[in-house]
Amino acid sequence: MQENAPGGDVVSELLMGMRLRGASYGKLRLSPPCGVSFEATDDARFHFVAAGNLHLESGTGETFTLGCGDAVLLPRGDAHALVSAPGVRPRPVESFDRMPLCSNVCAVTALEEGSCRTKDVLVFTGRMEFELDTLHPLVGLMPKVMSVGSLMGRQPEIVPLLEAMEREMAAERAGTAGILARLADVVAATIVRGWVECGCGEASGWIEALRDPRLGRVIAALHREPCRDWTIAEMAAEMGSSRSVFAERFTTVTGTTPQRYLAALRMRLAAQWLGRDRMPIDAVARRLGYGSQAAFSRAYKRMMGQPPGKARSSAPPRQNGVSAAL
């Protein structure tokens, strides 16, 4: 059996499992008064303000003020709007004309004729897919809006990243779009890491689990091999305890049984394969070890509340493996 890993290593491993991928991005240049609305999505949404000031208005009525150099992450992609001033009516982001810059980055320019260019609002925005998306319990427990501002004092290393994004937004250099996309990924991941390191807000049970060297090792193993036909005995062996002690400890700390946790993990992963990757239902069933497509479909509907075919039909169209929507 492998040696106990320090709690921090387990956190790092699960953060790697939550890495962002397959995103689509946009460079927005607008002249005030202006506003852009974003519909709710299954992906995370990231915004970086490179020039000007904006207000983020959430679907629940909350308002957040964003200045130059601010970055925010909406981990569950809730509906929201960015407006230059309260009361400005936003336009849906899909209604703007866009110009492709590279495979997954486009530019939106909406300037009023005769407007002062020094007052332009510049925003780099993106849809970001967590590698494990909502199957990671921490995603569902994150705040609706996570700001980089809370990290400045504790993680000053993020400042050069934000400054680099600001310079790239102001420049018209070759490769700028791709560099911005990668910087955005790092900044968003840093925001998530900062939240984890500060105790995950109300998710204290999960932090306790992740920082428990033995229990955290089991959770990391389940995320590393979600398709394995895990038994309680194997999970307990991973923790180095009896089955009864393991099951009681897991349920007490996480609030769910090991079997239900693994089932949710696998079915939400199946939802990604069906919707994002367009994998055939029978292929998903085989990959998860089901003896028949019918057995998988029953289990999927029981856990997810809809048949697996619904996940395929409701997924947005993709271009070159990336969601076509901004």
Protein backbone atom coordinates (compact mmCIF):
# COMPACT_ATOMS: atom_id res chain seq x y z
CA MET A 1 0.00 0.00 0.00
CA GLN A 2 1.28 3.48 -0.81
CA GLU A 3 2.43 5.81 1.93
CA ASN A 4 0.02 8.33 3.38
CA ALA A 5 0.06 11.49 1.33
CA PRO A 6 0.05 14.84 3.12
CA GLY A 7 -3.36 16.53 3.02
CA GLY A 8 -2.02 19.30 0.83
CA ASP A 9 -0.97 16.76 -1.79
CA VAL A 10 -4.50 15.34 -1.91
CA VAL A 11 -5.90 18.84 -2.36
CA SER A 12 -3.43 19.41 -5.21
CA GLU A 13 -4.39 16.12 -6.85
CA LEU A 14 -8.09 16.95 -6.77
CA LEU A 15 -7.43 20.47 -8.02
CA MET A 16 -5.64 18.89 -10.96
CA GLY A 17 -8.78 16.78 -11.46
CA MET A 18 -10.76 20.03 -11.58
CA ARG A 19 -8.53 21.59 -14.22
CA LEU A 20 -10.19 23.79 -16.81
CA ARG A 21 -10.29 22.69 -20.43
CA GLY A 22 -12.03 22.99 -23.78
CA ALA A 23 -13.07 26.60 -23.19
CA SER A 24 -14.22 29.27 -25.60
CA TYR A 25 -13.18 32.88 -25.05
CA GLY A 26 -13.96 36.36 -26.22
CA LYS A 27 -12.28 39.78 -26.23
CA LEU A 28 -14.98 42.41 -25.70
CA ARG A 29 -14.41 46.09 -26.56
CA LEU A 30 -17.45 48.21 -25.74
CA SER A 31 -18.18 51.92 -25.30
CA PRO A 32 -20.29 53.06 -22.33
CA PRO A 33 -23.14 53.04 -21.69
CA CYS A 34 -23.03 49.33 -22.38
CA GLY A 35 -24.08 46.00 -21.00
CA VAL A 36 -23.73 42.33 -21.89
CA SER A 37 -25.87 39.53 -20.47
CA PHE A 38 -24.88 35.87 -20.19
CA GLU A 39 -27.35 33.03 -19.97
CA ALA A 40 -26.92 30.24 -17.44
CA THR A 41 -24.69 27.43 -18.69
CA ASP A 42 -23.29 24.14 -17.42
CA ASP A 43 -19.79 25.62 -17.68
CA ALA A 44 -17.94 28.03 -15.43
CA ARG A 45 -17.75 31.65 -16.60
CA PHE A 46 -14.65 33.83 -16.24
CA HIS A 47 -14.30 37.60 -16.69
CA PHE A 48 -11.22 39.82 -16.58
CA VAL A 49 -11.60 43.60 -16.83
CA ALA A 50 -8.60 45.10 -18.65
CA ALA A 51 -9.94 48.67 -18.92
CA GLY A 52 -12.88 50.61 -17.53
CA ASN A 53 -15.28 49.81 -14.72
CA LEU A 54 -18.22 47.42 -14.71
CA HIS A 55 -20.92 46.10 -12.44
CA LEU A 56 -21.66 42.38 -12.36
CA GLU A 57 -25.36 41.86 -11.72
CA SER A 58 -26.27 38.34 -10.70
CA GLY A 59 -29.58 36.68 -11.43
CA THR A 60 -30.41 36.87 -7.71
CA GLY A 61 -30.09 40.65 -7.59
CA GLU A 62 -26.61 40.89 -6.10
CA THR A 63 -24.22 43.45 -7.60
CA PHE A 64 -20.42 43.33 -7.65
CA THR A 65 -18.25 46.26 -8.73
CA LEU A 66 -15.31 45.38 -11.00
CA GLY A 67 -12.45 47.72 -11.79
CA CYS A 68 -9.47 47.52 -14.10
CA GLY A 69 -7.43 44.44 -13.24
CA ASP A 70 -10.27 42.58 -11.53
CA ALA A 71 -11.09 38.97 -12.37
CA VAL A 72 -14.08 36.89 -11.32
CA LEU A 73 -15.08 33.27 -11.71
CA LEU A 74 -18.67 32.03 -11.68
CA PRO A 75 -17.99 28.31 -11.12
CA ARG A 76 -21.52 27.13 -11.95
CA GLY A 77 -22.16 29.55 -14.81
CA ASP A 78 -25.21 31.24 -13.30
CA ALA A 79 -27.05 33.83 -15.39
CA HIS A 80 -25.66 37.34 -14.95
CA ALA A 81 -24.86 40.60 -16.72
CA LEU A 82 -21.95 43.03 -16.98
CA VAL A 83 -23.08 46.65 -17.21
CA SER A 84 -21.20 49.94 -17.27
CA ALA A 85 -23.65 51.50 -14.81
CA PRO A 86 -26.70 50.40 -12.81
CA GLY A 87 -29.87 50.62 -14.85
CA VAL A 88 -28.18 50.00 -18.20
CA ARG A 89 -30.11 47.39 -20.17
CA PRO A 90 -27.71 44.65 -21.31
CA ARG A 91 -27.69 42.91 -24.67
CA PRO A 92 -27.29 39.12 -24.86
CA VAL A 93 -23.69 38.25 -25.67
CA GLU A 94 -24.93 36.07 -28.54
CA SER A 95 -26.45 39.13 -30.26
CA PHE A 96 -23.08 40.80 -30.94
CA ASP A 97 -21.17 40.24 -34.16
CA ARG A 98 -17.90 38.45 -33.55
CA MET A 99 -14.66 37.95 -35.42
CA PRO A 100 -12.67 34.72 -34.92
CA LEU A 101 -9.11 35.31 -33.71
CA CYS A 102 -8.07 31.66 -33.37
CA SER A 103 -9.75 28.29 -32.89
CA ASN A 104 -11.42 29.12 -29.57
CA VAL A 105 -11.11 32.91 -29.19
CA CYS A 106 -13.22 35.56 -30.89
CA ALA A 107 -13.40 39.35 -30.73
CA VAL A 108 -16.52 41.45 -30.13
CA THR A 109 -16.29 45.17 -30.88
CA ALA A 110 -19.31 47.36 -30.23
CA LEU A 111 -18.28 51.03 -30.21
CA GLU A 112 -20.59 53.98 -30.62
CA GLU A 113 -19.64 56.21 -33.54
CA GLY A 114 -17.61 59.16 -32.29
CA SER A 115 -17.13 57.65 -28.85
CA CYS A 116 -13.99 58.44 -26.86
CA ARG A 117 -11.65 55.47 -27.21
CA THR A 118 -10.00 56.21 -23.87
CA LYS A 119 -13.30 55.29 -22.20
CA ASP A 120 -13.56 51.89 -23.90
CA VAL A 121 -14.42 48.96 -21.67
CA LEU A 122 -12.18 45.95 -22.34
CA VAL A 123 -13.12 42.53 -21.04
CA PHE A 124 -11.67 39.08 -21.61
CA THR A 125 -14.41 36.52 -21.00
CA GLY A 126 -14.65 32.80 -21.34
CA ARG A 127 -16.65 29.64 -20.81
CA MET A 128 -14.52 27.18 -18.87
CA GLU A 129 -15.23 23.49 -18.41
CA PHE A 130 -14.02 21.84 -15.25
CA GLU A 131 -12.41 18.56 -16.28
CA LEU A 132 -14.72 16.80 -13.81
CA ASP A 133 -17.31 19.59 -13.85
CA THR A 134 -20.12 19.29 -11.29
CA LEU A 135 -19.17 15.77 -10.28
CA HIS A 136 -16.64 17.29 -7.95
CA PRO A 137 -18.59 18.05 -4.75
CA LEU A 138 -16.65 21.24 -4.13
CA VAL A 139 -17.99 22.85 -7.32
CA GLY A 140 -21.54 22.72 -5.98
CA LEU A 141 -20.41 24.27 -2.70
CA MET A 142 -18.49 27.18 -4.21
CA PRO A 143 -19.88 30.73 -4.00
CA LYS A 144 -21.83 31.90 -7.04
CA VAL A 145 -19.19 34.57 -7.70
CA MET A 146 -15.52 34.16 -6.73
CA SER A 147 -13.32 37.25 -6.97
CA VAL A 148 -9.59 37.53 -7.35
CA GLY A 149 -9.70 40.49 -4.97
CA SER A 150 -9.84 38.22 -1.93
CA LEU A 151 -6.51 36.66 -2.94
CA MET A 152 -4.37 39.77 -3.28
CA GLY A 153 -3.11 39.82 0.29
CA ARG A 154 -2.53 36.07 0.61
CA GLN A 155 -1.31 35.23 -2.89
CA PRO A 156 0.58 38.24 -4.28
CA GLU A 157 1.99 36.02 -7.03
CA ILE A 158 -1.32 36.41 -8.87
CA VAL A 159 -0.65 40.12 -9.46
CA PRO A 160 1.92 39.57 -12.27
CA LEU A 161 -0.57 37.24 -14.00
CA LEU A 162 -3.25 39.93 -13.96
CA GLU A 163 -0.75 42.54 -15.15
CA ALA A 164 0.28 40.23 -18.00
CA MET A 165 -3.37 39.83 -19.03
CA GLU A 166 -3.79 43.60 -18.98
CA ARG A 167 -0.75 44.08 -21.24
CA GLU A 168 -1.89 41.40 -23.66
CA MET A 169 -5.35 42.96 -23.91
CA ALA A 170 -3.79 46.32 -24.81
CA ALA A 171 -1.41 44.83 -27.38
CA GLU A 172 -2.03 43.63 -30.92
CA ARG A 173 0.81 41.12 -30.98
CA ALA A 174 0.92 37.73 -32.64
CA GLY A 175 -0.39 34.99 -30.38
CA THR A 176 -2.13 37.37 -27.97
CA ALA A 177 -5.43 35.50 -28.06
CA GLY A 178 -3.86 32.16 -27.18
CA ILE A 179 -1.73 33.63 -24.41
CA LEU A 180 -4.76 35.34 -22.88
CA ALA A 181 -6.66 32.05 -22.87
CA ARG A 182 -3.86 30.28 -21.03
CA LEU A 183 -3.43 33.10 -18.53
CA ALA A 184 -7.17 33.06 -17.87
CA ASP A 185 -7.00 29.33 -17.12
CA VAL A 186 -4.22 29.88 -14.57
CA VAL A 187 -5.95 32.84 -12.89
CA ALA A 188 -9.23 30.92 -12.61
CA ALA A 189 -7.47 27.87 -11.15
CA THR A 190 -5.67 30.14 -8.67
CA ILE A 191 -9.00 31.59 -7.54
CA VAL A 192 -10.29 28.06 -6.88
CA ARG A 193 -7.11 27.07 -5.04
CA GLY A 194 -7.29 30.16 -2.86
CA TRP A 195 -10.84 29.28 -1.85
CA VAL A 196 -9.80 25.71 -0.99
CA GLU A 197 -6.81 26.86 1.06
CA CYS A 198 -9.01 29.27 3.02
CA GLY A 199 -11.28 26.47 4.18
CA CYS A 200 -13.86 26.32 1.39
CA GLY A 201 -16.32 28.58 3.17
CA GLU A 202 -19.22 26.43 4.34
CA ALA A 203 -17.73 23.26 2.88
CA SER A 204 -15.87 22.46 6.09
CA GLY A 205 -16.72 18.77 5.91
CA TRP A 206 -15.06 18.41 2.55
CA ILE A 207 -11.93 20.20 3.64
CA GLU A 208 -11.80 17.91 6.67
CA ALA A 209 -12.04 14.92 4.33
CA LEU A 210 -9.39 16.17 1.92
CA ARG A 211 -6.96 17.05 4.68
CA ASP A 212 -7.44 13.76 6.49
CA PRO A 213 -4.42 11.89 5.06
CA ARG A 214 -6.16 8.51 4.99
CA LEU A 215 -9.67 9.52 3.94
CA GLY A 216 -8.38 12.07 1.46
CA ARG A 217 -6.37 9.32 -0.19
CA VAL A 218 -9.55 7.32 -0.80
CA ILE A 219 -11.36 10.29 -2.34
CA ALA A 220 -8.39 11.01 -4.59
CA ALA A 221 -8.30 7.35 -5.67
CA LEU A 222 -12.01 7.39 -6.55
CA HIS A 223 -11.53 10.47 -8.72
CA ARG A 224 -8.43 8.97 -10.29
CA GLU A 225 -10.20 5.71 -11.22
CA PRO A 226 -13.94 6.45 -11.28
CA CYS A 227 -14.68 3.58 -13.69
CA ARG A 228 -13.09 0.94 -11.49
CA ASP A 229 -15.55 -1.50 -9.89
CA TRP A 230 -14.72 -0.38 -6.36
CA THR A 231 -15.86 -2.43 -3.39
CA ILE A 232 -16.14 -1.18 0.19
CA ALA A 233 -13.33 -3.56 1.09
CA GLU A 234 -11.04 -2.02 -1.54
CA MET A 235 -11.86 1.51 -0.40
CA ALA A 236 -11.24 0.53 3.21
CA ALA A 237 -7.91 -1.02 2.24
CA GLU A 238 -6.96 2.24 0.51
CA MET A 239 -7.65 4.01 3.80
CA GLY A 240 -5.95 1.28 5.84
CA SER A 241 -8.92 0.48 8.08
CA SER A 242 -11.76 -1.99 8.50
CA ARG A 243 -14.82 -1.71 6.29
CA SER A 244 -17.09 -0.59 9.13
CA VAL A 245 -14.68 2.09 10.35
CA PHE A 246 -14.13 3.37 6.81
CA ALA A 247 -17.84 3.49 5.91
CA GLU A 248 -18.73 5.30 9.13
CA ARG A 249 -15.89 7.82 8.77
CA PHE A 250 -16.65 8.51 5.09
CA THR A 251 -20.36 9.06 5.71
CA THR A 252 -19.80 11.22 8.79
CA VAL A 253 -17.36 13.56 7.07
CA THR A 254 -18.84 13.79 3.57
CA GLY A 255 -22.53 13.43 4.39
CA THR A 256 -23.06 10.59 1.91
CA THR A 257 -22.20 6.92 1.67
CA PRO A 258 -19.16 5.72 -0.31
CA GLN A 259 -21.42 3.85 -2.75
CA ARG A 260 -23.65 6.85 -3.41
CA TYR A 261 -20.66 9.16 -3.78
CA LEU A 262 -19.08 6.84 -6.36
CA ALA A 263 -22.38 6.41 -8.22
CA ALA A 264 -22.83 10.19 -8.48
CA LEU A 265 -19.24 10.59 -9.59
CA ARG A 266 -19.62 8.04 -12.37
CA MET A 267 -23.01 9.21 -13.61
CA ARG A 268 -21.98 12.84 -13.82
CA LEU A 269 -18.89 11.76 -15.67
CA ALA A 270 -21.19 9.81 -17.99
CA ALA A 271 -23.20 13.01 -18.52
CA GLN A 272 -20.03 14.74 -19.75
CA TRP A 273 -19.16 11.91 -22.10
CA LEU A 274 -22.67 11.95 -23.52
CA GLY A 275 -23.13 15.70 -23.80
CA ARG A 276 -19.68 17.17 -24.26
CA ASP A 277 -17.96 14.31 -26.07
CA ARG A 278 -21.03 12.96 -27.91
CA MET A 279 -20.10 9.41 -26.97
CA PRO A 280 -22.72 6.77 -27.89
CA ILE A 281 -24.80 5.53 -24.97
CA ASP A 282 -23.72 1.93 -25.40
CA ALA A 283 -20.05 2.99 -25.38
CA VAL A 284 -20.56 4.88 -22.12
CA ALA A 285 -22.31 1.85 -20.61
CA ARG A 286 -19.38 -0.41 -21.55
CA ARG A 287 -16.82 2.08 -20.28
CA LEU A 288 -18.53 2.16 -16.89
CA GLY A 289 -18.73 -1.64 -16.75
CA TYR A 290 -22.46 -2.13 -17.23
CA GLY A 291 -23.57 -5.42 -18.72
CA SER A 292 -26.17 -3.78 -20.94
CA GLN A 293 -27.22 -0.37 -22.21
CA ALA A 294 -30.61 -0.86 -20.56
CA ALA A 295 -29.06 -1.39 -17.12
CA PHE A 296 -26.94 1.73 -17.53
CA SER A 297 -29.92 3.77 -18.74
CA ARG A 298 -31.97 2.79 -15.68
CA ALA A 299 -29.13 3.68 -13.32
CA TYR A 300 -28.49 6.98 -15.11
CA LYS A 301 -32.14 8.05 -14.99
CA ARG A 302 -32.39 7.09 -11.32
CA MET A 303 -29.38 9.23 -10.42
CA MET A 304 -29.69 12.12 -12.89
CA GLY A 305 -33.47 12.38 -13.19
CA GLN A 306 -33.53 12.02 -16.99
CA PRO A 307 -32.62 9.36 -19.57
CA PRO A 308 -29.07 9.44 -20.99
CA GLY A 309 -30.36 10.39 -24.44
CA LYS A 310 -31.50 13.72 -22.98
CA ALA A 311 -27.90 14.63 -22.12
CA ARG A 312 -26.89 14.16 -25.75
CA SER A 313 -29.81 16.07 -27.25
CA SER A 314 -29.59 19.05 -24.87
CA ALA A 315 -25.84 19.66 -25.25
CA PRO A 316 -24.88 22.79 -27.27
CA PRO A 317 -23.26 22.25 -30.68
CA ARG A 318 -19.47 22.18 -30.71
CA GLN A 319 -16.91 23.23 -33.26
CA ASN A 320 -13.49 21.56 -33.35
CA GLY A 321 -14.18 20.04 -29.95
CA VAL A 322 -15.07 23.42 -28.42
CA SER A 323 -18.51 24.77 -27.60
CA ALA A 324 -19.70 27.06 -30.36
CA ALA A 325 -21.25 29.50 -27.87
CA LEU A 326 -19.14 32.25 -26.30
